[in-house]
Each structure stands twice: as structure tokens, then as C-alpha cells.
Amino acid sequence: PVTVVSSTLNDVVEFESWAPSPVLQEDVGMVSFPVTRRCYKPEIALKPVMVQLQISQQSANNSDILLPVSKLVMIGDTTVNADIHVVNDDFPELDESFVLDLISVRNAAIGTNTKAILTVTKNDNPHGVVEFVSDKGQVQEINRTAAVALRRSRGLFGSIEVVWTTVDGTAVGRGSSAYWDFDMGSSGVLTFAENQSTANI
């Protein structure tokens, strides 16, 4: 890309055009966005430039991302990294994003590339972990039906489908023997609605 500047413009400060708009996992720890100062008059290159940054337009919780240093000092034709820390917590979360804005510059002009976007992908099982409530159960044959309870823990975002199947043990299903013990189909699909934590087969 080409930056066109007027004859009266001394410096331009902006994010690098190749700066990432990354999609990262929560455990990445830190991501850096390069901020570049371009001096068009060598005689002022040693004059310090103050840059102010701010996180805005975020879908992430305030505790999920940190901007340790919101002010940068730049001297000369240089590139300085704006570092963002991503907090690796243990809370189920969907994709979260935020915008890092270059909001003000002292002793220079702001360029056109003033926003950097970061997306942290869903993490810590946001759709849940499904398991049997118990690995054992009993039912009297006279009762005719049995309910097998499943539990969905961790995140409860969205609806999910659980595919189940039966396997003959000492009890056998219809079709496996002339003397069968249960009449359930060999497989099926159980649906958990959003925010639903228990269900029965």
C-alpha cells in the first residue's frame, strides 16, 4: 500500500498494514500488534511521539483481555509492538473479539490503519461435556421401560445432539435372539436444548 502525505505532514503513525487480524486460542498468552512511525522530515526524527491506545467494541469480558501498556513513546523511524495479553481462564466461552484502537497521537498525525482486530476462539468446552449420570442401573422386567440419565456439564451454549447405540450384553435386543430382552432400537439421537443440563434416553 502507498501512503500519500501532504508537504506539511511531518510524521504518520499507524498499525502496520500487514498487522494481523488474528484468530487465536485462549492459551496463546500474548499477541503483538506492530505500530509504525514514518518520519517524512529527518530533522524531526528524534522528536518523541506519544501514542494512545484503547480497547473497544469488545464481545469479550473485560477480564479476558489485558492491555498492559496503553501509551507508547516512539523516537525516529521505528516500529513498536502493542502487546495484548489473553487471559487463559477456565470458563466455557464462545468466540470473542475486540478492537484495538489507535485513538490519539501527539507530535504526529494518525494514519489510516488505526484498528486491529483479535478473535479468541471458543474454549473450555462451551457446548458441554456429556456423560452418563451413572455407569450402572437396574430395572424390573415388569416395569417394561428404563430411563438412562445423561448429564451435560461445563458449557451449556447452544443445542447439541448426542448419538447413542445399544450393545448386547447378557441381555440381548430384539433380532439378536429368539429370546430377546429389550425392544429398543439399536441407536438414536438425543437432543439437549440450550441451557439444558440433563436428559434421559
N, C-alpha and C. Protein backbone atom coordinates (compact mmCIF):
# COMPACT_ATOMS: atom_id res chain seq x y z
N PRO A 1 0.82 -1.20 0.00
CA PRO A 1 0.00 0.00 0.00
C PRO A 1 0.85 1.25 0.00
N VAL A 2 0.33 2.34 -0.56
CA VAL A 2 1.03 3.61 -0.65
C VAL A 2 0.31 4.63 0.21
N THR A 3 1.06 5.34 1.08
CA THR A 3 0.50 6.41 1.89
C THR A 3 0.86 7.74 1.25
N VAL A 4 -0.14 8.53 0.91
CA VAL A 4 0.08 9.84 0.32
C VAL A 4 0.00 10.88 1.41
N VAL A 5 1.02 11.70 1.55
CA VAL A 5 1.06 12.71 2.61
C VAL A 5 1.23 14.08 1.99
N SER A 6 0.76 15.08 2.71
CA SER A 6 0.91 16.45 2.23
C SER A 6 2.31 16.95 2.54
N SER A 7 2.68 18.06 1.94
CA SER A 7 4.02 18.61 2.15
C SER A 7 4.20 19.14 3.55
N THR A 8 3.08 19.37 4.27
CA THR A 8 3.18 19.91 5.62
C THR A 8 3.17 18.82 6.67
N LEU A 9 3.00 17.59 6.26
CA LEU A 9 2.92 16.48 7.21
C LEU A 9 4.32 16.04 7.59
N ASN A 10 4.54 15.92 8.91
CA ASN A 10 5.86 15.53 9.38
C ASN A 10 5.97 14.03 9.59
N ASP A 11 5.05 13.47 10.36
CA ASP A 11 5.08 12.06 10.70
C ASP A 11 3.70 11.45 10.53
N VAL A 12 3.69 10.14 10.32
CA VAL A 12 2.44 9.37 10.32
C VAL A 12 2.65 8.16 11.22
N VAL A 13 1.68 7.91 12.07
CA VAL A 13 1.71 6.75 12.95
C VAL A 13 0.47 5.92 12.70
N GLU A 14 0.65 4.61 12.51
CA GLU A 14 -0.49 3.72 12.26
C GLU A 14 -0.05 2.28 12.50
N PHE A 15 -1.05 1.40 12.57
CA PHE A 15 -0.72 -0.03 12.60
C PHE A 15 -0.14 -0.43 11.26
N GLU A 16 0.79 -1.35 11.28
CA GLU A 16 1.33 -1.86 10.03
C GLU A 16 0.20 -2.46 9.19
N SER A 17 0.26 -2.25 7.88
CA SER A 17 -0.78 -2.78 7.00
C SER A 17 -0.82 -4.30 7.02
N TRP A 18 0.32 -4.92 7.37
CA TRP A 18 0.36 -6.37 7.44
C TRP A 18 0.09 -6.88 8.85
N ALA A 19 -0.25 -5.93 9.77
CA ALA A 19 -0.52 -6.35 11.15
C ALA A 19 -1.65 -7.37 11.16
N PRO A 20 -1.53 -8.38 11.98
CA PRO A 20 -2.51 -9.46 11.95
C PRO A 20 -3.88 -9.04 12.45
N SER A 21 -4.90 -9.68 11.87
CA SER A 21 -6.22 -9.67 12.48
C SER A 21 -6.46 -11.12 12.88
N PRO A 22 -5.73 -11.55 13.91
CA PRO A 22 -5.58 -12.99 14.13
C PRO A 22 -6.79 -13.63 14.80
N VAL A 23 -6.89 -14.91 14.55
CA VAL A 23 -7.83 -15.78 15.26
C VAL A 23 -6.97 -16.72 16.10
N LEU A 24 -7.11 -16.62 17.41
CA LEU A 24 -6.20 -17.31 18.30
C LEU A 24 -6.94 -18.16 19.32
N GLN A 25 -6.25 -19.15 19.88
CA GLN A 25 -6.77 -19.89 21.00
C GLN A 25 -6.45 -19.15 22.29
N GLU A 26 -7.25 -19.42 23.31
CA GLU A 26 -7.14 -18.67 24.55
C GLU A 26 -5.79 -18.83 25.22
N ASP A 27 -5.14 -19.99 25.04
CA ASP A 27 -3.90 -20.25 25.74
C ASP A 27 -2.67 -19.68 25.03
N VAL A 28 -2.89 -18.82 24.03
CA VAL A 28 -1.75 -18.24 23.31
C VAL A 28 -0.92 -17.34 24.21
N GLY A 29 -1.55 -16.73 25.23
CA GLY A 29 -0.83 -15.90 26.18
C GLY A 29 -0.77 -14.44 25.77
N MET A 30 -0.12 -14.15 24.64
CA MET A 30 0.05 -12.76 24.24
C MET A 30 0.10 -12.66 22.72
N VAL A 31 -0.42 -11.54 22.19
CA VAL A 31 -0.31 -11.25 20.76
C VAL A 31 0.14 -9.80 20.61
N SER A 32 0.98 -9.55 19.62
CA SER A 32 1.56 -8.21 19.43
C SER A 32 1.07 -7.60 18.13
N PHE A 33 0.69 -6.33 18.20
CA PHE A 33 0.28 -5.57 17.02
C PHE A 33 1.32 -4.48 16.76
N PRO A 34 2.04 -4.53 15.63
CA PRO A 34 3.08 -3.55 15.35
C PRO A 34 2.51 -2.17 14.98
N VAL A 35 2.98 -1.16 15.68
CA VAL A 35 2.64 0.24 15.41
C VAL A 35 3.88 0.91 14.82
N THR A 36 3.73 1.54 13.66
CA THR A 36 4.88 2.10 12.95
C THR A 36 4.78 3.61 12.84
N ARG A 37 5.92 4.27 13.07
CA ARG A 37 6.05 5.71 12.84
C ARG A 37 6.92 5.92 11.61
N ARG A 38 6.39 6.69 10.66
CA ARG A 38 7.15 7.01 9.45
C ARG A 38 7.45 8.50 9.44
N CYS A 39 8.74 8.83 9.48
CA CYS A 39 9.16 10.23 9.51
C CYS A 39 9.43 10.71 8.09
N TYR A 40 8.77 11.80 7.71
CA TYR A 40 8.97 12.36 6.36
C TYR A 40 9.92 13.55 6.36
N LYS A 41 10.35 13.98 7.55
CA LYS A 41 11.33 15.05 7.65
C LYS A 41 12.40 14.58 8.63
N PRO A 42 13.59 14.25 8.14
CA PRO A 42 14.64 13.69 9.00
C PRO A 42 14.99 14.58 10.19
N GLU A 43 14.83 15.89 10.03
CA GLU A 43 15.25 16.79 11.11
C GLU A 43 14.38 16.66 12.37
N ILE A 44 13.21 16.01 12.25
CA ILE A 44 12.36 15.86 13.44
C ILE A 44 12.30 14.40 13.92
N ALA A 45 13.13 13.57 13.34
CA ALA A 45 13.04 12.14 13.63
C ALA A 45 13.30 11.83 15.10
N LEU A 46 14.12 12.64 15.77
CA LEU A 46 14.46 12.36 17.16
C LEU A 46 13.44 12.95 18.14
N LYS A 47 12.46 13.65 17.61
CA LYS A 47 11.42 14.22 18.48
C LYS A 47 10.47 13.11 18.90
N PRO A 48 10.26 12.89 20.20
CA PRO A 48 9.41 11.78 20.64
C PRO A 48 7.95 11.99 20.26
N VAL A 49 7.32 10.91 19.92
CA VAL A 49 5.89 10.90 19.58
C VAL A 49 5.17 10.04 20.62
N MET A 50 4.06 10.56 21.14
CA MET A 50 3.27 9.84 22.12
C MET A 50 2.04 9.24 21.45
N VAL A 51 1.81 7.95 21.67
CA VAL A 51 0.70 7.23 21.03
C VAL A 51 -0.22 6.67 22.12
N GLN A 52 -1.52 6.91 21.98
CA GLN A 52 -2.50 6.41 22.94
C GLN A 52 -3.34 5.31 22.30
N LEU A 53 -3.46 4.16 22.99
CA LEU A 53 -4.22 3.03 22.51
C LEU A 53 -5.39 2.74 23.45
N GLN A 54 -6.40 2.08 22.88
CA GLN A 54 -7.59 1.76 23.68
C GLN A 54 -8.28 0.53 23.11
N ILE A 55 -8.78 -0.33 23.99
CA ILE A 55 -9.57 -1.48 23.57
C ILE A 55 -11.03 -1.08 23.52
N SER A 56 -11.70 -1.39 22.41
CA SER A 56 -13.11 -1.00 22.27
C SER A 56 -13.85 -2.09 21.50
N GLN A 57 -15.17 -1.93 21.43
CA GLN A 57 -16.04 -2.81 20.63
C GLN A 57 -15.76 -4.27 20.91
N GLN A 58 -15.71 -4.61 22.18
CA GLN A 58 -15.35 -5.98 22.51
C GLN A 58 -16.57 -6.80 22.89
N SER A 59 -16.57 -8.05 22.42
CA SER A 59 -17.56 -9.01 22.87
C SER A 59 -16.98 -9.85 24.00
N ALA A 60 -15.68 -9.73 24.21
CA ALA A 60 -15.03 -10.44 25.31
C ALA A 60 -15.31 -9.73 26.62
N ASN A 61 -15.29 -10.49 27.72
CA ASN A 61 -15.39 -9.89 29.03
C ASN A 61 -14.15 -9.06 29.32
N ASN A 62 -14.30 -8.03 30.15
CA ASN A 62 -13.17 -7.17 30.46
C ASN A 62 -12.00 -7.93 31.07
N SER A 63 -12.30 -9.03 31.77
CA SER A 63 -11.24 -9.79 32.43
C SER A 63 -10.52 -10.75 31.49
N ASP A 64 -11.00 -10.89 30.24
CA ASP A 64 -10.42 -11.86 29.32
C ASP A 64 -9.21 -11.34 28.57
N ILE A 65 -9.11 -10.03 28.44
CA ILE A 65 -8.00 -9.44 27.70
C ILE A 65 -7.44 -8.26 28.48
N LEU A 66 -6.14 -8.07 28.38
CA LEU A 66 -5.48 -7.00 29.11
C LEU A 66 -4.58 -6.22 28.16
N LEU A 67 -4.57 -4.92 28.33
CA LEU A 67 -3.66 -4.04 27.59
C LEU A 67 -2.73 -3.43 28.62
N PRO A 68 -1.59 -4.09 28.91
CA PRO A 68 -0.72 -3.63 29.99
C PRO A 68 -0.20 -2.21 29.79
N VAL A 69 0.12 -1.87 28.54
CA VAL A 69 0.68 -0.54 28.25
C VAL A 69 -0.21 0.13 27.21
N SER A 70 -0.90 1.19 27.60
CA SER A 70 -1.80 1.88 26.67
C SER A 70 -1.16 3.09 26.02
N LYS A 71 0.05 3.45 26.44
CA LYS A 71 0.75 4.60 25.86
C LYS A 71 2.12 4.15 25.38
N LEU A 72 2.45 4.53 24.15
CA LEU A 72 3.75 4.19 23.57
C LEU A 72 4.53 5.47 23.28
N VAL A 73 5.84 5.40 23.46
CA VAL A 73 6.73 6.51 23.08
C VAL A 73 7.57 6.02 21.91
N MET A 74 7.53 6.79 20.82
CA MET A 74 8.26 6.39 19.62
C MET A 74 9.25 7.49 19.23
N ILE A 75 10.50 7.09 18.97
CA ILE A 75 11.54 8.02 18.56
C ILE A 75 12.13 7.53 17.26
N GLY A 76 12.11 8.39 16.25
CA GLY A 76 12.67 8.04 14.95
C GLY A 76 11.75 7.16 14.13
N ASP A 77 12.25 6.75 12.96
CA ASP A 77 11.53 5.82 12.08
C ASP A 77 11.57 4.45 12.75
N THR A 78 10.50 4.04 13.34
CA THR A 78 10.56 2.84 14.16
C THR A 78 9.23 2.11 14.21
N THR A 79 9.26 0.88 14.67
CA THR A 79 8.05 0.10 14.91
C THR A 79 8.10 -0.40 16.35
N VAL A 80 6.99 -0.20 17.05
CA VAL A 80 6.87 -0.63 18.44
C VAL A 80 5.65 -1.52 18.55
N ASN A 81 5.77 -2.61 19.29
CA ASN A 81 4.64 -3.53 19.45
C ASN A 81 3.70 -3.10 20.56
N ALA A 82 2.41 -3.14 20.24
CA ALA A 82 1.38 -3.01 21.26
C ALA A 82 0.97 -4.42 21.65
N ASP A 83 1.25 -4.79 22.88
CA ASP A 83 1.04 -6.16 23.33
C ASP A 83 -0.31 -6.32 24.03
N ILE A 84 -1.03 -7.37 23.65
CA ILE A 84 -2.29 -7.71 24.28
C ILE A 84 -2.11 -9.05 24.98
N HIS A 85 -2.50 -9.11 26.23
CA HIS A 85 -2.44 -10.36 26.98
C HIS A 85 -3.82 -11.00 26.99
N VAL A 86 -3.88 -12.28 26.61
CA VAL A 86 -5.12 -13.04 26.63
C VAL A 86 -5.11 -13.92 27.87
N VAL A 87 -6.14 -13.77 28.70
CA VAL A 87 -6.20 -14.49 29.97
C VAL A 87 -6.72 -15.91 29.72
N ASN A 88 -5.93 -16.88 30.13
CA ASN A 88 -6.30 -18.29 29.96
C ASN A 88 -7.07 -18.75 31.20
N ASP A 89 -8.38 -18.49 31.22
CA ASP A 89 -9.19 -18.89 32.37
C ASP A 89 -9.81 -20.27 32.14
N ASP A 90 -10.69 -20.67 33.02
CA ASP A 90 -11.29 -22.00 32.94
C ASP A 90 -12.81 -21.90 32.75
N PHE A 91 -13.28 -20.80 32.13
CA PHE A 91 -14.70 -20.60 31.95
C PHE A 91 -15.10 -20.92 30.50
N PRO A 92 -16.14 -21.72 30.30
CA PRO A 92 -16.59 -22.01 28.93
C PRO A 92 -17.02 -20.72 28.23
N GLU A 93 -16.51 -20.50 27.02
CA GLU A 93 -16.81 -19.27 26.28
C GLU A 93 -16.88 -19.56 24.79
N LEU A 94 -17.75 -18.83 24.11
CA LEU A 94 -17.82 -18.87 22.65
C LEU A 94 -16.76 -17.95 22.07
N ASP A 95 -16.69 -17.85 20.73
CA ASP A 95 -15.76 -16.91 20.10
C ASP A 95 -15.96 -15.51 20.67
N GLU A 96 -14.85 -14.84 20.97
CA GLU A 96 -14.91 -13.47 21.48
C GLU A 96 -13.95 -12.61 20.67
N SER A 97 -14.33 -11.37 20.45
CA SER A 97 -13.47 -10.49 19.66
C SER A 97 -13.40 -9.11 20.29
N PHE A 98 -12.36 -8.37 19.93
CA PHE A 98 -12.24 -6.99 20.37
C PHE A 98 -11.44 -6.21 19.32
N VAL A 99 -11.53 -4.91 19.44
CA VAL A 99 -10.82 -4.00 18.53
C VAL A 99 -9.84 -3.18 19.35
N LEU A 100 -8.61 -3.15 18.90
CA LEU A 100 -7.60 -2.27 19.49
C LEU A 100 -7.51 -1.02 18.63
N ASP A 101 -7.83 0.13 19.23
CA ASP A 101 -7.87 1.40 18.50
C ASP A 101 -6.65 2.25 18.82
N LEU A 102 -6.10 2.84 17.78
CA LEU A 102 -5.10 3.89 17.93
C LEU A 102 -5.89 5.20 17.98
N ILE A 103 -6.07 5.75 19.18
CA ILE A 103 -7.04 6.85 19.34
C ILE A 103 -6.44 8.25 19.28
N SER A 104 -5.15 8.38 19.63
CA SER A 104 -4.56 9.72 19.56
C SER A 104 -3.05 9.63 19.44
N VAL A 105 -2.47 10.63 18.81
CA VAL A 105 -1.02 10.73 18.63
C VAL A 105 -0.60 12.17 18.89
N ARG A 106 0.42 12.36 19.70
CA ARG A 106 0.95 13.69 19.96
C ARG A 106 2.25 13.88 19.20
N ASN A 107 2.37 15.00 18.50
CA ASN A 107 3.56 15.36 17.70
C ASN A 107 3.65 14.59 16.39
N ALA A 108 2.54 14.01 15.95
CA ALA A 108 2.49 13.32 14.66
C ALA A 108 1.04 13.20 14.24
N ALA A 109 0.83 12.70 13.03
CA ALA A 109 -0.53 12.50 12.52
C ALA A 109 -0.89 11.02 12.58
N ILE A 110 -2.18 10.76 12.74
CA ILE A 110 -2.66 9.39 12.71
C ILE A 110 -2.88 8.98 11.26
N GLY A 111 -2.38 7.80 10.90
CA GLY A 111 -2.59 7.30 9.55
C GLY A 111 -3.98 6.72 9.37
N THR A 112 -4.14 5.93 8.34
CA THR A 112 -5.46 5.38 8.02
C THR A 112 -5.71 4.01 8.66
N ASN A 113 -4.65 3.30 8.97
CA ASN A 113 -4.79 1.96 9.53
C ASN A 113 -4.77 2.06 11.06
N THR A 114 -5.91 2.37 11.65
CA THR A 114 -5.96 2.69 13.08
C THR A 114 -6.67 1.64 13.93
N LYS A 115 -7.06 0.53 13.34
CA LYS A 115 -7.76 -0.50 14.10
C LYS A 115 -7.12 -1.87 13.85
N ALA A 116 -7.02 -2.65 14.91
CA ALA A 116 -6.55 -4.04 14.81
C ALA A 116 -7.56 -4.92 15.53
N ILE A 117 -7.91 -6.04 14.93
CA ILE A 117 -8.97 -6.90 15.44
C ILE A 117 -8.39 -8.24 15.87
N LEU A 118 -8.82 -8.72 17.02
CA LEU A 118 -8.39 -10.03 17.52
C LEU A 118 -9.63 -10.84 17.88
N THR A 119 -9.64 -12.10 17.47
CA THR A 119 -10.71 -13.03 17.85
C THR A 119 -10.10 -14.20 18.62
N VAL A 120 -10.64 -14.44 19.80
CA VAL A 120 -10.25 -15.59 20.61
C VAL A 120 -11.30 -16.67 20.40
N THR A 121 -10.88 -17.83 19.92
CA THR A 121 -11.84 -18.87 19.56
C THR A 121 -12.49 -19.48 20.81
N LYS A 122 -13.64 -20.11 20.60
CA LYS A 122 -14.36 -20.73 21.71
C LYS A 122 -13.46 -21.72 22.43
N ASN A 123 -13.67 -21.83 23.74
CA ASN A 123 -12.74 -22.60 24.55
C ASN A 123 -13.42 -23.16 25.79
N ASP A 124 -12.74 -24.11 26.42
CA ASP A 124 -13.19 -24.71 27.68
C ASP A 124 -14.57 -25.35 27.54
N ASN A 125 -14.77 -26.06 26.44
CA ASN A 125 -16.00 -26.85 26.20
C ASN A 125 -17.27 -26.02 26.34
N PRO A 126 -17.46 -25.00 25.52
CA PRO A 126 -18.65 -24.15 25.66
C PRO A 126 -19.96 -24.87 25.37
N HIS A 127 -19.91 -25.97 24.58
CA HIS A 127 -21.13 -26.70 24.27
C HIS A 127 -21.35 -27.89 25.21
N GLY A 128 -20.44 -28.05 26.16
CA GLY A 128 -20.65 -29.03 27.20
C GLY A 128 -19.89 -30.33 27.01
N VAL A 129 -19.85 -31.10 28.08
CA VAL A 129 -19.29 -32.45 28.10
C VAL A 129 -20.41 -33.36 28.59
N VAL A 130 -20.74 -34.38 27.80
CA VAL A 130 -21.88 -35.24 28.11
C VAL A 130 -21.38 -36.59 28.62
N GLU A 131 -22.01 -37.07 29.68
CA GLU A 131 -21.66 -38.37 30.25
C GLU A 131 -22.88 -38.97 30.92
N PHE A 132 -22.81 -40.27 31.18
CA PHE A 132 -23.86 -40.93 31.93
C PHE A 132 -23.81 -40.46 33.39
N VAL A 133 -24.98 -40.26 33.99
CA VAL A 133 -25.03 -39.90 35.40
C VAL A 133 -24.47 -41.05 36.23
N SER A 134 -24.75 -42.27 35.82
CA SER A 134 -24.21 -43.45 36.50
C SER A 134 -23.88 -44.50 35.45
N ASP A 135 -22.85 -45.27 35.73
CA ASP A 135 -22.48 -46.34 34.78
C ASP A 135 -23.18 -47.65 35.11
N LYS A 136 -24.08 -47.62 36.09
CA LYS A 136 -24.85 -48.81 36.45
C LYS A 136 -26.31 -48.42 36.65
N GLY A 137 -27.19 -49.39 36.47
CA GLY A 137 -28.61 -49.15 36.70
C GLY A 137 -29.36 -50.47 36.78
N GLN A 138 -30.53 -50.41 37.36
CA GLN A 138 -31.36 -51.60 37.48
C GLN A 138 -32.80 -51.26 37.09
N VAL A 139 -33.49 -52.24 36.54
CA VAL A 139 -34.90 -52.07 36.23
C VAL A 139 -35.56 -53.45 36.33
N GLN A 140 -36.75 -53.48 36.88
CA GLN A 140 -37.51 -54.72 36.93
C GLN A 140 -38.14 -54.97 35.57
N GLU A 141 -38.09 -56.20 35.13
CA GLU A 141 -38.63 -56.55 33.82
C GLU A 141 -40.10 -56.18 33.70
N ILE A 142 -40.82 -56.26 34.81
CA ILE A 142 -42.25 -55.97 34.80
C ILE A 142 -42.54 -54.49 34.53
N ASN A 143 -41.55 -53.63 34.79
CA ASN A 143 -41.73 -52.19 34.58
C ASN A 143 -41.76 -51.82 33.10
N ARG A 144 -41.20 -52.65 32.27
CA ARG A 144 -41.27 -52.52 30.81
C ARG A 144 -40.37 -51.42 30.22
N THR A 145 -40.09 -50.37 30.98
CA THR A 145 -39.24 -49.30 30.44
C THR A 145 -38.15 -48.93 31.45
N ALA A 146 -37.07 -48.38 30.93
CA ALA A 146 -35.95 -47.92 31.77
C ALA A 146 -35.46 -46.59 31.22
N ALA A 147 -35.17 -45.66 32.11
CA ALA A 147 -34.62 -44.35 31.72
C ALA A 147 -33.14 -44.31 32.06
N VAL A 148 -32.34 -43.97 31.08
CA VAL A 148 -30.89 -43.84 31.30
C VAL A 148 -30.57 -42.35 31.28
N ALA A 149 -30.08 -41.83 32.40
CA ALA A 149 -29.88 -40.38 32.56
C ALA A 149 -28.50 -39.96 32.06
N LEU A 150 -28.49 -38.85 31.32
CA LEU A 150 -27.24 -38.23 30.86
C LEU A 150 -27.12 -36.84 31.47
N ARG A 151 -25.88 -36.45 31.70
CA ARG A 151 -25.60 -35.15 32.29
C ARG A 151 -24.68 -34.36 31.36
N ARG A 152 -25.02 -33.09 31.17
CA ARG A 152 -24.20 -32.18 30.35
C ARG A 152 -23.57 -31.16 31.29
N SER A 153 -22.27 -31.19 31.42
CA SER A 153 -21.56 -30.28 32.30
C SER A 153 -20.72 -29.30 31.48
N ARG A 154 -20.02 -28.42 32.18
CA ARG A 154 -19.25 -27.33 31.56
C ARG A 154 -20.20 -26.34 30.87
N GLY A 155 -19.97 -26.00 29.62
CA GLY A 155 -20.81 -25.00 28.97
C GLY A 155 -22.14 -25.55 28.50
N LEU A 156 -23.13 -24.65 28.48
CA LEU A 156 -24.47 -25.03 28.03
C LEU A 156 -24.92 -24.15 26.85
N PHE A 157 -23.95 -23.68 26.07
CA PHE A 157 -24.27 -22.83 24.92
C PHE A 157 -24.84 -23.67 23.78
N GLY A 158 -25.94 -23.21 23.20
CA GLY A 158 -26.49 -23.85 22.01
C GLY A 158 -27.10 -25.20 22.29
N SER A 159 -27.79 -25.73 21.30
CA SER A 159 -28.34 -27.08 21.38
C SER A 159 -27.32 -28.06 20.80
N ILE A 160 -27.33 -29.27 21.33
CA ILE A 160 -26.41 -30.30 20.85
C ILE A 160 -27.17 -31.61 20.66
N GLU A 161 -26.61 -32.48 19.86
CA GLU A 161 -27.20 -33.80 19.64
C GLU A 161 -26.20 -34.87 20.08
N VAL A 162 -26.72 -35.87 20.79
CA VAL A 162 -25.92 -36.98 21.27
C VAL A 162 -26.40 -38.25 20.58
N VAL A 163 -25.52 -38.91 19.88
CA VAL A 163 -25.85 -40.17 19.20
C VAL A 163 -25.55 -41.32 20.15
N TRP A 164 -26.52 -42.19 20.34
CA TRP A 164 -26.33 -43.34 21.23
C TRP A 164 -26.61 -44.64 20.47
N THR A 165 -26.09 -45.71 21.00
CA THR A 165 -26.32 -47.02 20.41
C THR A 165 -26.32 -48.07 21.51
N THR A 166 -27.01 -49.16 21.29
CA THR A 166 -27.04 -50.25 22.27
C THR A 166 -26.13 -51.39 21.80
N VAL A 167 -25.59 -52.09 22.78
CA VAL A 167 -24.73 -53.25 22.52
C VAL A 167 -25.21 -54.39 23.42
N ASP A 168 -25.40 -55.54 22.83
CA ASP A 168 -25.84 -56.68 23.63
C ASP A 168 -24.81 -57.05 24.68
N GLY A 169 -25.35 -57.38 25.89
CA GLY A 169 -24.51 -57.94 26.93
C GLY A 169 -25.09 -59.30 27.29
N THR A 170 -25.33 -59.51 28.59
CA THR A 170 -26.06 -60.73 28.96
C THR A 170 -27.52 -60.59 28.59
N ALA A 171 -27.98 -59.32 28.49
CA ALA A 171 -29.31 -59.05 27.91
C ALA A 171 -29.13 -58.78 26.43
N VAL A 172 -30.06 -59.24 25.62
CA VAL A 172 -29.92 -59.07 24.17
C VAL A 172 -31.16 -58.39 23.62
N GLY A 173 -30.96 -57.67 22.53
CA GLY A 173 -32.06 -56.95 21.91
C GLY A 173 -32.79 -57.79 20.90
N ARG A 174 -33.96 -57.29 20.53
CA ARG A 174 -34.77 -57.99 19.53
C ARG A 174 -33.95 -58.14 18.25
N GLY A 175 -34.04 -59.30 17.67
CA GLY A 175 -33.29 -59.60 16.45
C GLY A 175 -32.00 -60.32 16.71
N SER A 176 -31.49 -60.19 17.97
CA SER A 176 -30.25 -60.89 18.30
C SER A 176 -30.49 -62.34 18.67
N SER A 177 -31.70 -62.61 19.13
CA SER A 177 -32.00 -63.96 19.61
C SER A 177 -33.51 -64.16 19.55
N ALA A 178 -33.91 -65.40 19.53
CA ALA A 178 -35.35 -65.69 19.59
C ALA A 178 -35.91 -65.29 20.95
N TYR A 179 -35.07 -65.25 21.95
CA TYR A 179 -35.49 -64.85 23.30
C TYR A 179 -34.80 -63.53 23.63
N TRP A 180 -35.43 -62.46 23.25
CA TRP A 180 -34.80 -61.16 23.42
C TRP A 180 -35.31 -60.49 24.71
N ASP A 181 -34.50 -59.51 25.18
CA ASP A 181 -34.77 -58.88 26.47
C ASP A 181 -35.25 -57.44 26.37
N PHE A 182 -34.88 -56.77 25.31
CA PHE A 182 -35.33 -55.38 25.19
C PHE A 182 -35.67 -55.07 23.74
N ASP A 183 -36.58 -54.11 23.60
CA ASP A 183 -37.17 -53.82 22.30
C ASP A 183 -36.79 -52.43 21.80
N MET A 184 -35.74 -51.87 22.35
CA MET A 184 -35.31 -50.53 21.92
C MET A 184 -34.56 -50.64 20.60
N GLY A 185 -34.66 -49.58 19.79
CA GLY A 185 -33.89 -49.55 18.56
C GLY A 185 -32.41 -49.60 18.87
N SER A 186 -31.63 -49.97 17.90
CA SER A 186 -30.20 -50.16 18.13
C SER A 186 -29.45 -48.85 18.29
N SER A 187 -30.05 -47.73 17.89
CA SER A 187 -29.38 -46.43 18.02
C SER A 187 -30.42 -45.31 17.97
N GLY A 188 -29.98 -44.11 18.27
CA GLY A 188 -30.88 -42.96 18.24
C GLY A 188 -30.11 -41.68 18.47
N VAL A 189 -30.83 -40.57 18.50
CA VAL A 189 -30.23 -39.26 18.71
C VAL A 189 -31.01 -38.56 19.82
N LEU A 190 -30.29 -38.09 20.82
CA LEU A 190 -30.88 -37.36 21.94
C LEU A 190 -30.45 -35.90 21.83
N THR A 191 -31.41 -34.97 21.96
CA THR A 191 -31.11 -33.54 21.80
C THR A 191 -31.16 -32.84 23.15
N PHE A 192 -30.12 -32.07 23.43
CA PHE A 192 -30.11 -31.15 24.56
C PHE A 192 -30.38 -29.75 24.02
N ALA A 193 -31.35 -29.06 24.58
CA ALA A 193 -31.60 -27.67 24.20
C ALA A 193 -30.56 -26.76 24.87
N GLU A 194 -30.47 -25.53 24.42
CA GLU A 194 -29.56 -24.58 25.06
C GLU A 194 -29.92 -24.45 26.53
N ASN A 195 -28.89 -24.44 27.37
CA ASN A 195 -29.02 -24.33 28.83
C ASN A 195 -29.61 -25.58 29.49
N GLN A 196 -29.82 -26.66 28.74
CA GLN A 196 -30.33 -27.90 29.32
C GLN A 196 -29.15 -28.75 29.78
N SER A 197 -29.18 -29.22 31.02
CA SER A 197 -28.05 -29.94 31.58
C SER A 197 -28.31 -31.43 31.79
N THR A 198 -29.57 -31.88 31.78
CA THR A 198 -29.87 -33.30 31.96
C THR A 198 -30.91 -33.76 30.94
N ALA A 199 -30.85 -35.02 30.59
CA ALA A 199 -31.84 -35.61 29.68
C ALA A 199 -31.78 -37.12 29.83
N ASN A 200 -32.84 -37.79 29.42
CA ASN A 200 -32.92 -39.25 29.54
C ASN A 200 -33.08 -39.89 28.17
N ILE A 201 -32.43 -41.04 28.04
CA ILE A 201 -32.68 -41.91 26.89
C ILE A 201 -33.78 -42.88 27.29
